[in-house]
Amino acid sequence: FFAMMALVMHQKRKGLVLDSNGLFLFYSFII
């Protein structure tokens, strides 16, 4: 989960956001 969070922040700096599949997995881990 921490690796996923770090990757999200890293990709955000590049102007990239999670697609629907990534959001599903990321939110599932948060819940």
PDB file of all heavy atoms in Angstrom:
ATOM      1  N   PHE A   1       0.827  -1.209   0.000  1.00  0.00           N
ATOM      2  CA  PHE A   1       0.000   0.000   0.000  1.00  0.00           C
ATOM      3  C   PHE A   1       0.860   1.258   0.000  1.00  0.00           C
ATOM      4  O   PHE A   1       0.584   2.220  -0.738  1.00  0.00           O
ATOM      5  CB  PHE A   1      -0.931  -0.023   1.216  1.00  0.00           C
ATOM      6  CG  PHE A   1      -1.860   1.151   1.300  1.00  0.00           C
ATOM      7  CD1 PHE A   1      -2.639   1.519   0.212  1.00  0.00           C
ATOM      8  CD2 PHE A   1      -1.968   1.888   2.469  1.00  0.00           C
ATOM      9  CE1 PHE A   1      -3.505   2.597   0.277  1.00  0.00           C
ATOM     10  CE2 PHE A   1      -2.823   2.971   2.549  1.00  0.00           C
ATOM     11  CZ  PHE A   1      -3.597   3.327   1.457  1.00  0.00           C
ATOM     12  N   PHE A   2       1.922   1.273   0.806  1.00  0.00           N
ATOM     13  CA  PHE A   2       2.815   2.429   0.828  1.00  0.00           C
ATOM     14  C   PHE A   2       3.500   2.612  -0.529  1.00  0.00           C
ATOM     15  O   PHE A   2       3.690   3.746  -0.994  1.00  0.00           O
ATOM     16  CB  PHE A   2       3.869   2.264   1.921  1.00  0.00           C
ATOM     17  CG  PHE A   2       3.347   2.482   3.315  1.00  0.00           C
ATOM     18  CD1 PHE A   2       4.008   1.964   4.414  1.00  0.00           C
ATOM     19  CD2 PHE A   2       2.193   3.216   3.522  1.00  0.00           C
ATOM     20  CE1 PHE A   2       3.528   2.160   5.695  1.00  0.00           C
ATOM     21  CE2 PHE A   2       1.691   3.423   4.804  1.00  0.00           C
ATOM     22  CZ  PHE A   2       2.365   2.896   5.890  1.00  0.00           C
ATOM     23  N   ALA A   3       3.889   1.502  -1.154  1.00  0.00           N
ATOM     24  CA  ALA A   3       4.506   1.576  -2.479  1.00  0.00           C
ATOM     25  C   ALA A   3       3.516   2.141  -3.494  1.00  0.00           C
ATOM     26  O   ALA A   3       3.891   2.942  -4.372  1.00  0.00           O
ATOM     27  CB  ALA A   3       4.985   0.192  -2.914  1.00  0.00           C
ATOM     28  N   MET A   4       2.251   1.765  -3.380  1.00  0.00           N
ATOM     29  CA  MET A   4       1.230   2.307  -4.271  1.00  0.00           C
ATOM     30  C   MET A   4       1.043   3.797  -4.051  1.00  0.00           C
ATOM     31  O   MET A   4       0.927   4.579  -5.020  1.00  0.00           O
ATOM     32  CB  MET A   4      -0.093   1.547  -4.039  1.00  0.00           C
ATOM     33  CG  MET A   4      -0.066   0.102  -4.517  1.00  0.00           C
ATOM     34  SD  MET A   4      -1.428  -0.911  -3.871  1.00  0.00           S
ATOM     35  CE  MET A   4      -2.840  -0.113  -4.620  1.00  0.00           C
ATOM     36  N   MET A   5       1.027   4.229  -2.785  1.00  0.00           N
ATOM     37  CA  MET A   5       0.885   5.654  -2.480  1.00  0.00           C
ATOM     38  C   MET A   5       2.065   6.450  -3.037  1.00  0.00           C
ATOM     39  O   MET A   5       1.881   7.527  -3.621  1.00  0.00           O
ATOM     40  CB  MET A   5       0.785   5.852  -0.956  1.00  0.00           C
ATOM     41  CG  MET A   5      -0.509   5.378  -0.339  1.00  0.00           C
ATOM     42  SD  MET A   5      -0.545   5.646   1.454  1.00  0.00           S
ATOM     43  CE  MET A   5      -0.391   7.424   1.538  1.00  0.00           C
ATOM     44  N   ALA A   6       3.272   5.919  -2.846  1.00  0.00           N
ATOM     45  CA  ALA A   6       4.464   6.609  -3.354  1.00  0.00           C
ATOM     46  C   ALA A   6       4.417   6.721  -4.871  1.00  0.00           C
ATOM     47  O   ALA A   6       4.790   7.759  -5.448  1.00  0.00           O
ATOM     48  CB  ALA A   6       5.718   5.858  -2.905  1.00  0.00           C
ATOM     49  N   LEU A   7       3.954   5.658  -5.528  1.00  0.00           N
ATOM     50  CA  LEU A   7       3.870   5.675  -6.993  1.00  0.00           C
ATOM     51  C   LEU A   7       2.833   6.680  -7.469  1.00  0.00           C
ATOM     52  O   LEU A   7       3.055   7.387  -8.465  1.00  0.00           O
ATOM     53  CB  LEU A   7       3.523   4.274  -7.498  1.00  0.00           C
ATOM     54  CG  LEU A   7       3.504   4.088  -9.012  1.00  0.00           C
ATOM     55  CD1 LEU A   7       4.893   4.346  -9.607  1.00  0.00           C
ATOM     56  CD2 LEU A   7       3.039   2.674  -9.374  1.00  0.00           C
ATOM     57  N   VAL A   8       1.710   6.783  -6.774  1.00  0.00           N
ATOM     58  CA  VAL A   8       0.672   7.752  -7.143  1.00  0.00           C
ATOM     59  C   VAL A   8       1.214   9.170  -7.057  1.00  0.00           C
ATOM     60  O   VAL A   8       1.005   9.995  -7.970  1.00  0.00           O
ATOM     61  CB  VAL A   8      -0.561   7.587  -6.223  1.00  0.00           C
ATOM     62  CG1 VAL A   8      -1.532   8.761  -6.402  1.00  0.00           C
ATOM     63  CG2 VAL A   8      -1.283   6.280  -6.523  1.00  0.00           C
ATOM     64  N   MET A   9       1.929   9.484  -5.972  1.00  0.00           N
ATOM     65  CA  MET A   9       2.490  10.828  -5.816  1.00  0.00           C
ATOM     66  C   MET A   9       3.572  11.111  -6.859  1.00  0.00           C
ATOM     67  O   MET A   9       3.669  12.220  -7.385  1.00  0.00           O
ATOM     68  CB  MET A   9       3.039  10.990  -4.401  1.00  0.00           C
ATOM     69  CG  MET A   9       1.963  11.009  -3.322  1.00  0.00           C
ATOM     70  SD  MET A   9       2.593  11.352  -1.659  1.00  0.00           S
ATOM     71  CE  MET A   9       3.477   9.834  -1.324  1.00  0.00           C
ATOM     72  N   HIS A  10       4.371  10.073  -7.169  1.00  0.00           N
ATOM     73  CA  HIS A  10       5.421  10.242  -8.173  1.00  0.00           C
ATOM     74  C   HIS A  10       4.830  10.500  -9.560  1.00  0.00           C
ATOM     75  O   HIS A  10       5.298  11.393 -10.290  1.00  0.00           O
ATOM     76  CB  HIS A  10       6.300   8.994  -8.194  1.00  0.00           C
ATOM     77  CG  HIS A  10       7.356   9.013  -9.254  1.00  0.00           C
ATOM     78  ND1 HIS A  10       8.462   9.852  -9.198  1.00  0.00           N
ATOM     79  CD2 HIS A  10       7.474   8.298 -10.417  1.00  0.00           C
ATOM     80  CE1 HIS A  10       9.210   9.661 -10.259  1.00  0.00           C
ATOM     81  NE2 HIS A  10       8.639   8.733 -11.014  1.00  0.00           N
ATOM     82  N   GLN A  11       3.803   9.745  -9.906  1.00  0.00           N
ATOM     83  CA  GLN A  11       3.193   9.902 -11.229  1.00  0.00           C
ATOM     84  C   GLN A  11       2.398  11.195 -11.330  1.00  0.00           C
ATOM     85  O   GLN A  11       2.257  11.762 -12.423  1.00  0.00           O
ATOM     86  CB  GLN A  11       2.271   8.705 -11.519  1.00  0.00           C
ATOM     87  CG  GLN A  11       2.978   7.359 -11.614  1.00  0.00           C
ATOM     88  CD  GLN A  11       3.813   7.243 -12.878  1.00  0.00           C
ATOM     89  OE1 GLN A  11       4.757   8.011 -13.107  1.00  0.00           O
ATOM     90  NE2 GLN A  11       3.484   6.279 -13.710  1.00  0.00           N
ATOM     91  N   LYS A  12       1.908  11.678 -10.187  1.00  0.00           N
ATOM     92  CA  LYS A  12       1.154  12.938 -10.209  1.00  0.00           C
ATOM     93  C   LYS A  12       2.039  14.096 -10.619  1.00  0.00           C
ATOM     94  O   LYS A  12       1.589  15.027 -11.290  1.00  0.00           O
ATOM     95  CB  LYS A  12       0.548  13.185  -8.827  1.00  0.00           C
ATOM     96  CG  LYS A  12      -0.446  14.326  -8.792  1.00  0.00           C
ATOM     97  CD  LYS A  12      -1.110  14.445  -7.421  1.00  0.00           C
ATOM     98  CE  LYS A  12      -2.144  15.563  -7.424  1.00  0.00           C
ATOM     99  NZ  LYS A  12      -2.802  15.693  -6.088  1.00  0.00           N
ATOM    100  N   ARG A  13       3.316  14.043 -10.235  1.00  0.00           N
ATOM    101  CA  ARG A  13       4.255  15.089 -10.634  1.00  0.00           C
ATOM    102  C   ARG A  13       4.471  15.109 -12.142  1.00  0.00           C
ATOM    103  O   ARG A  13       4.850  16.126 -12.715  1.00  0.00           O
ATOM    104  CB  ARG A  13       5.594  14.894  -9.920  1.00  0.00           C
ATOM    105  CG  ARG A  13       5.524  15.016  -8.412  1.00  0.00           C
ATOM    106  CD  ARG A  13       6.912  15.120  -7.801  1.00  0.00           C
ATOM    107  NE  ARG A  13       6.886  15.021  -6.361  1.00  0.00           N
ATOM    108  CZ  ARG A  13       7.172  13.919  -5.678  1.00  0.00           C
ATOM    109  NH1 ARG A  13       7.519  12.812  -6.332  1.00  0.00           N
ATOM    110  NH2 ARG A  13       7.128  13.900  -4.359  1.00  0.00           N
ATOM    111  N   LYS A  14       4.244  13.948 -12.777  1.00  0.00           N
ATOM    112  CA  LYS A  14       4.393  13.846 -14.232  1.00  0.00           C
ATOM    113  C   LYS A  14       3.096  14.185 -14.966  1.00  0.00           C
ATOM    114  O   LYS A  14       3.035  14.079 -16.196  1.00  0.00           O
ATOM    115  CB  LYS A  14       4.818  12.424 -14.614  1.00  0.00           C
ATOM    116  CG  LYS A  14       6.178  12.006 -14.069  1.00  0.00           C
ATOM    117  CD  LYS A  14       6.510  10.595 -14.534  1.00  0.00           C
ATOM    118  CE  LYS A  14       7.866  10.139 -14.054  1.00  0.00           C
ATOM    119  NZ  LYS A  14       8.184   8.757 -14.526  1.00  0.00           N
ATOM    120  N   GLY A  15       2.069  14.543 -14.215  1.00  0.00           N
ATOM    121  CA  GLY A  15       0.793  14.863 -14.834  1.00  0.00           C
ATOM    122  C   GLY A  15      -0.075  13.655 -15.121  1.00  0.00           C
ATOM    123  O   GLY A  15      -1.028  13.748 -15.911  1.00  0.00           O
ATOM    124  N   LEU A  16       0.237  12.516 -14.495  1.00  0.00           N
ATOM    125  CA  LEU A  16      -0.535  11.291 -14.709  1.00  0.00           C
ATOM    126  C   LEU A  16      -1.439  11.024 -13.510  1.00  0.00           C
ATOM    127  O   LEU A  16      -1.065  11.291 -12.363  1.00  0.00           O
ATOM    128  CB  LEU A  16       0.396  10.091 -14.933  1.00  0.00           C
ATOM    129  CG  LEU A  16       1.341  10.180 -16.137  1.00  0.00           C
ATOM    130  CD1 LEU A  16       2.273   8.978 -16.154  1.00  0.00           C
ATOM    131  CD2 LEU A  16       0.558  10.276 -17.443  1.00  0.00           C
ATOM    132  N   VAL A  17      -2.613  10.495 -13.782  1.00  0.00           N
ATOM    133  CA  VAL A  17      -3.565  10.147 -12.728  1.00  0.00           C
ATOM    134  C   VAL A  17      -3.978   8.680 -12.898  1.00  0.00           C
ATOM    135  O   VAL A  17      -3.803   8.093 -13.966  1.00  0.00           O
ATOM    136  CB  VAL A  17      -4.816  11.047 -12.766  1.00  0.00           C
ATOM    137  CG1 VAL A  17      -4.461  12.469 -12.421  1.00  0.00           C
ATOM    138  CG2 VAL A  17      -5.503  10.958 -14.131  1.00  0.00           C
ATOM    139  N   LEU A  18      -4.524   8.111 -11.838  1.00  0.00           N
ATOM    140  CA  LEU A  18      -4.980   6.726 -11.903  1.00  0.00           C
ATOM    141  C   LEU A  18      -6.194   6.603 -12.803  1.00  0.00           C
ATOM    142  O   LEU A  18      -7.100   7.446 -12.771  1.00  0.00           O
ATOM    143  CB  LEU A  18      -5.347   6.221 -10.504  1.00  0.00           C
ATOM    144  CG  LEU A  18      -4.189   5.860  -9.570  1.00  0.00           C
ATOM    145  CD1 LEU A  18      -4.706   5.618  -8.158  1.00  0.00           C
ATOM    146  CD2 LEU A  18      -3.457   4.623 -10.082  1.00  0.00           C
ATOM    147  N   ASP A  19      -6.225   5.549 -13.625  1.00  0.00           N
ATOM    148  CA  ASP A  19      -7.421   5.272 -14.409  1.00  0.00           C
ATOM    149  C   ASP A  19      -8.428   4.535 -13.518  1.00  0.00           C
ATOM    150  O   ASP A  19      -8.203   4.347 -12.321  1.00  0.00           O
ATOM    151  CB  ASP A  19      -7.079   4.480 -15.670  1.00  0.00           C
ATOM    152  CG  ASP A  19      -6.465   3.114 -15.378  1.00  0.00           C
ATOM    153  OD1 ASP A  19      -6.551   2.652 -14.225  1.00  0.00           O
ATOM    154  OD2 ASP A  19      -5.901   2.505 -16.309  1.00  0.00           O
ATOM    155  N   SER A  20      -9.556   4.124 -14.095  1.00  0.00           N
ATOM    156  CA  SER A  20     -10.620   3.507 -13.292  1.00  0.00           C
ATOM    157  C   SER A  20     -10.164   2.207 -12.626  1.00  0.00           C
ATOM    158  O   SER A  20     -10.530   1.925 -11.473  1.00  0.00           O
ATOM    159  CB  SER A  20     -11.849   3.242 -14.168  1.00  0.00           C
ATOM    160  OG  SER A  20     -11.510   2.403 -15.273  1.00  0.00           O
ATOM    161  N   ASN A  21      -9.336   1.413 -13.321  1.00  0.00           N
ATOM    162  CA  ASN A  21      -8.845   0.163 -12.733  1.00  0.00           C
ATOM    163  C   ASN A  21      -7.910   0.433 -11.558  1.00  0.00           C
ATOM    164  O   ASN A  21      -7.980  -0.241 -10.519  1.00  0.00           O
ATOM    165  CB  ASN A  21      -8.107  -0.666 -13.787  1.00  0.00           C
ATOM    166  CG  ASN A  21      -9.035  -1.172 -14.873  1.00  0.00           C
ATOM    167  OD1 ASN A  21     -10.161  -1.558 -14.603  1.00  0.00           O
ATOM    168  ND2 ASN A  21      -8.561  -1.139 -16.105  1.00  0.00           N
ATOM    169  N   GLY A  22      -7.027   1.416 -11.714  1.00  0.00           N
ATOM    170  CA  GLY A  22      -6.122   1.767 -10.631  1.00  0.00           C
ATOM    171  C   GLY A  22      -6.866   2.329  -9.433  1.00  0.00           C
ATOM    172  O   GLY A  22      -6.530   2.022  -8.282  1.00  0.00           O
ATOM    173  N   LEU A  23      -7.886   3.175  -9.697  1.00  0.00           N
ATOM    174  CA  LEU A  23      -8.686   3.720  -8.599  1.00  0.00           C
ATOM    175  C   LEU A  23      -9.394   2.616  -7.835  1.00  0.00           C
ATOM    176  O   LEU A  23      -9.465   2.655  -6.604  1.00  0.00           O
ATOM    177  CB  LEU A  23      -9.720   4.710  -9.148  1.00  0.00           C
ATOM    178  CG  LEU A  23      -9.209   6.087  -9.548  1.00  0.00           C
ATOM    179  CD1 LEU A  23     -10.330   6.895 -10.183  1.00  0.00           C
ATOM    180  CD2 LEU A  23      -8.640   6.828  -8.344  1.00  0.00           C
ATOM    181  N   PHE A  24      -9.920   1.633  -8.564  1.00  0.00           N
ATOM    182  CA  PHE A  24     -10.629   0.530  -7.911  1.00  0.00           C
ATOM    183  C   PHE A  24      -9.699  -0.210  -6.951  1.00  0.00           C
ATOM    184  O   PHE A  24     -10.052  -0.479  -5.796  1.00  0.00           O
ATOM    185  CB  PHE A  24     -11.177  -0.440  -8.959  1.00  0.00           C
ATOM    186  CG  PHE A  24     -11.904  -1.612  -8.380  1.00  0.00           C
ATOM    187  CD1 PHE A  24     -13.233  -1.506  -8.006  1.00  0.00           C
ATOM    188  CD2 PHE A  24     -11.266  -2.831  -8.202  1.00  0.00           C
ATOM    189  CE1 PHE A  24     -13.913  -2.588  -7.459  1.00  0.00           C
ATOM    190  CE2 PHE A  24     -11.930  -3.910  -7.656  1.00  0.00           C
ATOM    191  CZ  PHE A  24     -13.260  -3.796  -7.288  1.00  0.00           C
ATOM    192  N   LEU A  25      -8.486  -0.519  -7.402  1.00  0.00           N
ATOM    193  CA  LEU A  25      -7.540  -1.241  -6.562  1.00  0.00           C
ATOM    194  C   LEU A  25      -7.067  -0.371  -5.398  1.00  0.00           C
ATOM    195  O   LEU A  25      -6.992  -0.842  -4.252  1.00  0.00           O
ATOM    196  CB  LEU A  25      -6.347  -1.693  -7.404  1.00  0.00           C
ATOM    197  CG  LEU A  25      -5.323  -2.619  -6.733  1.00  0.00           C
ATOM    198  CD1 LEU A  25      -5.981  -3.884  -6.231  1.00  0.00           C
ATOM    199  CD2 LEU A  25      -4.200  -2.966  -7.698  1.00  0.00           C
ATOM    200  N   PHE A  26      -6.777   0.890  -5.668  1.00  0.00           N
ATOM    201  CA  PHE A  26      -6.262   1.795  -4.636  1.00  0.00           C
ATOM    202  C   PHE A  26      -7.308   2.045  -3.552  1.00  0.00           C
ATOM    203  O   PHE A  26      -7.014   1.961  -2.350  1.00  0.00           O
ATOM    204  CB  PHE A  26      -5.835   3.105  -5.280  1.00  0.00           C
ATOM    205  CG  PHE A  26      -5.057   4.008  -4.371  1.00  0.00           C
ATOM    206  CD1 PHE A  26      -3.837   3.603  -3.835  1.00  0.00           C
ATOM    207  CD2 PHE A  26      -5.538   5.275  -4.053  1.00  0.00           C
ATOM    208  CE1 PHE A  26      -3.117   4.440  -2.997  1.00  0.00           C
ATOM    209  CE2 PHE A  26      -4.817   6.115  -3.222  1.00  0.00           C
ATOM    210  CZ  PHE A  26      -3.601   5.692  -2.691  1.00  0.00           C
ATOM    211  N   TYR A  27      -8.538   2.319  -3.952  1.00  0.00           N
ATOM    212  CA  TYR A  27      -9.601   2.565  -2.983  1.00  0.00           C
ATOM    213  C   TYR A  27      -9.939   1.292  -2.202  1.00  0.00           C
ATOM    214  O   TYR A  27     -10.283   1.352  -1.013  1.00  0.00           O
ATOM    215  CB  TYR A  27     -10.847   3.110  -3.679  1.00  0.00           C
ATOM    216  CG  TYR A  27     -10.725   4.541  -4.142  1.00  0.00           C
ATOM    217  CD1 TYR A  27     -11.553   5.046  -5.139  1.00  0.00           C
ATOM    218  CD2 TYR A  27      -9.778   5.387  -3.582  1.00  0.00           C
ATOM    219  CE1 TYR A  27     -11.436   6.366  -5.570  1.00  0.00           C
ATOM    220  CE2 TYR A  27      -9.652   6.702  -4.009  1.00  0.00           C
ATOM    221  CZ  TYR A  27     -10.492   7.184  -4.996  1.00  0.00           C
ATOM    222  OH  TYR A  27     -10.370   8.488  -5.415  1.00  0.00           O
ATOM    223  N   SER A  28      -9.847   0.148  -2.853  1.00  0.00           N
ATOM    224  CA  SER A  28     -10.089  -1.118  -2.159  1.00  0.00           C
ATOM    225  C   SER A  28      -9.076  -1.311  -1.032  1.00  0.00           C
ATOM    226  O   SER A  28      -9.423  -1.763   0.070  1.00  0.00           O
ATOM    227  CB  SER A  28     -10.007  -2.302  -3.138  1.00  0.00           C
ATOM    228  OG  SER A  28     -11.065  -2.273  -4.068  1.00  0.00           O
ATOM    229  N   PHE A  29      -7.812  -0.948  -1.300  1.00  0.00           N
ATOM    230  CA  PHE A  29      -6.773  -1.062  -0.273  1.00  0.00           C
ATOM    231  C   PHE A  29      -7.017  -0.083   0.873  1.00  0.00           C
ATOM    232  O   PHE A  29      -6.755  -0.401   2.036  1.00  0.00           O
ATOM    233  CB  PHE A  29      -5.396  -0.825  -0.895  1.00  0.00           C
ATOM    234  CG  PHE A  29      -4.728  -2.080  -1.379  1.00  0.00           C
ATOM    235  CD1 PHE A  29      -5.378  -2.947  -2.237  1.00  0.00           C
ATOM    236  CD2 PHE A  29      -3.449  -2.410  -0.971  1.00  0.00           C
ATOM    237  CE1 PHE A  29      -4.774  -4.108  -2.686  1.00  0.00           C
ATOM    238  CE2 PHE A  29      -2.820  -3.566  -1.411  1.00  0.00           C
ATOM    239  CZ  PHE A  29      -3.492  -4.421  -2.276  1.00  0.00           C
ATOM    240  N   ILE A  30      -7.523   1.121   0.554  1.00  0.00           N
ATOM    241  CA  ILE A  30      -7.814   2.108   1.599  1.00  0.00           C
ATOM    242  C   ILE A  30      -8.940   1.609   2.504  1.00  0.00           C
ATOM    243  O   ILE A  30      -8.838   1.661   3.742  1.00  0.00           O
ATOM    244  CB  ILE A  30      -8.180   3.470   0.975  1.00  0.00           C
ATOM    245  CG1 ILE A  30      -6.969   4.075   0.267  1.00  0.00           C
ATOM    246  CG2 ILE A  30      -8.718   4.422   2.040  1.00  0.00           C
ATOM    247  CD1 ILE A  30      -7.269   5.373  -0.460  1.00  0.00           C
ATOM    248  N   ILE A  31     -10.017   1.118   1.901  1.00  0.00           N
ATOM    249  CA  ILE A  31     -11.143   0.606   2.691  1.00  0.00           C
ATOM    250  C   ILE A  31     -10.709  -0.606   3.509  1.00  0.00           C
ATOM    251  O   ILE A  31     -11.139  -0.799   4.653  1.00  0.00           O
ATOM    252  CB  ILE A  31     -12.329   0.256   1.770  1.00  0.00           C
ATOM    253  CG1 ILE A  31     -12.829   1.506   1.051  1.00  0.00           C
ATOM    254  CG2 ILE A  31     -13.472  -0.370   2.573  1.00  0.00           C
ATOM    255  CD1 ILE A  31     -13.892   1.235   0.002  1.00  0.00           C
TER     256      ILE A  31
END
